Amino acid sequence: MFAAEWGDLTQLATAALVAQTGEPLPVAVAAVAALWSVTVLAVVVGSQAGRLLSQRLLNRVSAAVFTLVGLFVIGSAFLTRQTQLMMTTLRSRNRCLVSLNAPRTQASPPFA
């Protein structure tokens, strides 16, 4: 179970923060407090939504939100890749332009 759950962004951020600060206890306390706070918030919001909305509507809204988040993640990954390719192309073009516009110097004779 540990191996399946490891790699969550929160865990990676917590591990990075411990590595950066060298203070495992305060980081652990803060991470646990943050997890508990988010869990309590989810329980409160979920219980209120469950009382106000039908199960069918909640399922549809959840599906729509997950779909939108998934599309956003896929779209941002695609745009990031396209941006990287565009920047690489621009850099290589700039190098070519710089080399074409570089002042030409005359080579001195080898035995001057």
C-alpha atoms as a PDB file:
ATOM      1  CA  MET A   1       0.000   0.000   0.000  1.00  0.00           C
ATOM      2  CA  PHE A   2       2.864   2.386   0.774  1.00  0.00           C
ATOM      3  CA  ALA A   3       4.384   1.988  -2.691  1.00  0.00           C
ATOM      4  CA  ALA A   4       1.031   2.636  -4.371  1.00  0.00           C
ATOM      5  CA  GLU A   5       0.468   5.872  -2.464  1.00  0.00           C
ATOM      6  CA  TRP A   6       4.007   7.251  -2.600  1.00  0.00           C
ATOM      7  CA  GLY A   7       4.548   9.925  -5.181  1.00  0.00           C
ATOM      8  CA  ASP A   8       1.608  12.163  -4.330  1.00  0.00           C
ATOM      9  CA  LEU A   9       2.616  15.785  -4.955  1.00  0.00           C
ATOM     10  CA  THR A  10       1.977  16.640  -1.315  1.00  0.00           C
ATOM     11  CA  GLN A  11       4.354  13.922  -0.158  1.00  0.00           C
ATOM     12  CA  LEU A  12       7.005  14.977  -2.637  1.00  0.00           C
ATOM     13  CA  ALA A  13       6.659  18.612  -1.577  1.00  0.00           C
ATOM     14  CA  THR A  14       6.906  17.602   2.089  1.00  0.00           C
ATOM     15  CA  ALA A  15      10.021  15.527   1.431  1.00  0.00           C
ATOM     16  CA  ALA A  16      11.570  18.403  -0.527  1.00  0.00           C
ATOM     17  CA  LEU A  17      10.766  20.849   2.282  1.00  0.00           C
ATOM     18  CA  VAL A  18      12.411  18.566   4.857  1.00  0.00           C
ATOM     19  CA  ALA A  19      15.460  18.243   2.627  1.00  0.00           C
ATOM     20  CA  GLN A  20      15.613  22.012   2.179  1.00  0.00           C
ATOM     21  CA  THR A  21      15.075  23.028   5.809  1.00  0.00           C
ATOM     22  CA  GLY A  22      16.607  20.083   7.615  1.00  0.00           C
ATOM     23  CA  GLU A  23      13.762  20.319  10.146  1.00  0.00           C
ATOM     24  CA  PRO A  24      11.713  17.104   9.910  1.00  0.00           C
ATOM     25  CA  LEU A  25       9.571  17.543  13.036  1.00  0.00           C
ATOM     26  CA  PRO A  26       8.102  21.004  12.288  1.00  0.00           C
ATOM     27  CA  VAL A  27       7.530  20.041   8.651  1.00  0.00           C
ATOM     28  CA  ALA A  28       5.807  16.795   9.726  1.00  0.00           C
ATOM     29  CA  VAL A  29       3.559  18.632  12.202  1.00  0.00           C
ATOM     30  CA  ALA A  30       2.635  21.223   9.561  1.00  0.00           C
ATOM     31  CA  ALA A  31       1.963  18.524   6.941  1.00  0.00           C
ATOM     32  CA  VAL A  32      -0.297  16.577   9.307  1.00  0.00           C
ATOM     33  CA  ALA A  33      -2.149  19.762  10.304  1.00  0.00           C
ATOM     34  CA  ALA A  34      -2.642  20.657   6.638  1.00  0.00           C
ATOM     35  CA  LEU A  35      -3.936  17.161   5.833  1.00  0.00           C
ATOM     36  CA  TRP A  36      -6.366  17.237   8.738  1.00  0.00           C
ATOM     37  CA  SER A  37      -7.586  20.713   7.771  1.00  0.00           C
ATOM     38  CA  VAL A  38      -8.249  19.687   4.174  1.00  0.00           C
ATOM     39  CA  THR A  39      -9.992  16.508   5.342  1.00  0.00           C
ATOM     40  CA  VAL A  40     -12.277  18.408   7.728  1.00  0.00           C
ATOM     41  CA  LEU A  41     -13.065  20.921   4.998  1.00  0.00           C
ATOM     42  CA  ALA A  42     -13.941  18.116   2.567  1.00  0.00           C
ATOM     43  CA  VAL A  43     -16.186  16.425   5.134  1.00  0.00           C
ATOM     44  CA  VAL A  44     -18.045  19.650   5.943  1.00  0.00           C
ATOM     45  CA  VAL A  45     -18.514  20.665   2.317  1.00  0.00           C
ATOM     46  CA  GLY A  46     -19.443  17.106   1.314  1.00  0.00           C
ATOM     47  CA  SER A  47     -22.033  16.742   4.041  1.00  0.00           C
ATOM     48  CA  GLN A  48     -23.626  20.094   3.150  1.00  0.00           C
ATOM     49  CA  ALA A  49     -23.627  19.274  -0.565  1.00  0.00           C
ATOM     50  CA  GLY A  50     -25.143  15.856   0.201  1.00  0.00           C
ATOM     51  CA  ARG A  51     -28.011  17.461   2.068  1.00  0.00           C
ATOM     52  CA  LEU A  52     -28.692  20.134  -0.538  1.00  0.00           C
ATOM     53  CA  LEU A  53     -28.183  18.213  -3.799  1.00  0.00           C
ATOM     54  CA  SER A  54     -29.355  14.855  -5.108  1.00  0.00           C
ATOM     55  CA  GLN A  55     -26.883  11.985  -5.458  1.00  0.00           C
ATOM     56  CA  ARG A  56     -27.389  11.938  -9.224  1.00  0.00           C
ATOM     57  CA  LEU A  57     -26.577  15.651  -9.537  1.00  0.00           C
ATOM     58  CA  LEU A  58     -23.522  15.271  -7.303  1.00  0.00           C
ATOM     59  CA  ASN A  59     -22.264  12.401  -9.488  1.00  0.00           C
ATOM     60  CA  ARG A  60     -22.747  14.456 -12.647  1.00  0.00           C
ATOM     61  CA  VAL A  61     -21.077  17.537 -11.190  1.00  0.00           C
ATOM     62  CA  SER A  62     -18.176  15.397  -9.933  1.00  0.00           C
ATOM     63  CA  ALA A  63     -17.783  13.800 -13.359  1.00  0.00           C
ATOM     64  CA  ALA A  64     -17.826  17.216 -15.030  1.00  0.00           C
ATOM     65  CA  VAL A  65     -15.252  18.656 -12.612  1.00  0.00           C
ATOM     66  CA  PHE A  66     -12.933  15.649 -13.002  1.00  0.00           C
ATOM     67  CA  THR A  67     -13.287  15.864 -16.784  1.00  0.00           C
ATOM     68  CA  LEU A  68     -12.469  19.567 -16.801  1.00  0.00           C
ATOM     69  CA  VAL A  69      -9.464  19.070 -14.533  1.00  0.00           C
ATOM     70  CA  GLY A  70      -8.240  16.203 -16.713  1.00  0.00           C
ATOM     71  CA  LEU A  71      -8.625  18.267 -19.880  1.00  0.00           C
ATOM     72  CA  PHE A  72      -6.822  21.158 -18.225  1.00  0.00           C
ATOM     73  CA  VAL A  73      -3.909  18.929 -17.178  1.00  0.00           C
ATOM     74  CA  ILE A  74      -3.647  17.363 -20.638  1.00  0.00           C
ATOM     75  CA  GLY A  75      -3.946  20.768 -22.309  1.00  0.00           C
ATOM     76  CA  SER A  76      -1.327  22.375 -20.097  1.00  0.00           C
ATOM     77  CA  ALA A  77       1.053  19.461 -20.694  1.00  0.00           C
ATOM     78  CA  PHE A  78       0.517  19.807 -24.439  1.00  0.00           C
ATOM     79  CA  LEU A  79       1.014  23.583 -24.312  1.00  0.00           C
ATOM     80  CA  THR A  80       4.128  23.162 -22.179  1.00  0.00           C
ATOM     81  CA  ARG A  81       5.569  20.750 -24.734  1.00  0.00           C
ATOM     82  CA  GLN A  82       4.644  23.063 -27.612  1.00  0.00           C
ATOM     83  CA  THR A  83       6.231  26.005 -25.773  1.00  0.00           C
ATOM     84  CA  GLN A  84       9.413  23.998 -25.204  1.00  0.00           C
ATOM     85  CA  LEU A  85       9.590  23.102 -28.894  1.00  0.00           C
ATOM     86  CA  MET A  86       8.945  26.699 -29.903  1.00  0.00           C
ATOM     87  CA  MET A  87      11.632  28.016 -27.546  1.00  0.00           C
ATOM     88  CA  THR A  88      14.128  25.459 -28.835  1.00  0.00           C
ATOM     89  CA  THR A  89      13.365  26.501 -32.413  1.00  0.00           C
ATOM     90  CA  LEU A  90      13.706  30.194 -31.548  1.00  0.00           C
ATOM     91  CA  ARG A  91      17.018  29.619 -29.785  1.00  0.00           C
ATOM     92  CA  SER A  92      18.457  27.738 -32.733  1.00  0.00           C
ATOM     93  CA  ARG A  93      17.240  30.453 -35.135  1.00  0.00           C
ATOM     94  CA  ASN A  94      18.743  33.157 -32.930  1.00  0.00           C
ATOM     95  CA  ARG A  95      22.072  31.325 -32.923  1.00  0.00           C
ATOM     96  CA  CYS A  96      21.986  31.209 -36.717  1.00  0.00           C
ATOM     97  CA  LEU A  97      21.127  34.908 -36.928  1.00  0.00           C
ATOM     98  CA  VAL A  98      23.862  35.819 -34.471  1.00  0.00           C
ATOM     99  CA  SER A  99      26.425  33.845 -36.428  1.00  0.00           C
ATOM    100  CA  LEU A 100      25.266  35.451 -39.709  1.00  0.00           C
ATOM    101  CA  ASN A 101      25.401  38.953 -38.245  1.00  0.00           C
ATOM    102  CA  ALA A 102      28.721  38.501 -36.480  1.00  0.00           C
ATOM    103  CA  PRO A 103      31.363  40.915 -37.721  1.00  0.00           C
ATOM    104  CA  ARG A 104      33.734  39.278 -40.092  1.00  0.00           C
ATOM    105  CA  THR A 105      37.371  39.624 -39.226  1.00  0.00           C
ATOM    106  CA  GLN A 106      40.149  39.116 -41.611  1.00  0.00           C
ATOM    107  CA  ALA A 107      42.508  36.377 -40.695  1.00  0.00           C
ATOM    108  CA  SER A 108      46.059  37.511 -40.253  1.00  0.00           C
ATOM    109  CA  PRO A 109      48.659  35.728 -42.309  1.00  0.00           C
ATOM    110  CA  PRO A 110      50.293  32.871 -40.445  1.00  0.00           C
ATOM    111  CA  PHE A 111      53.793  34.351 -40.734  1.00  0.00           C
ATOM    112  CA  ALA A 112      53.339  38.055 -40.261  1.00  0.00           C
END
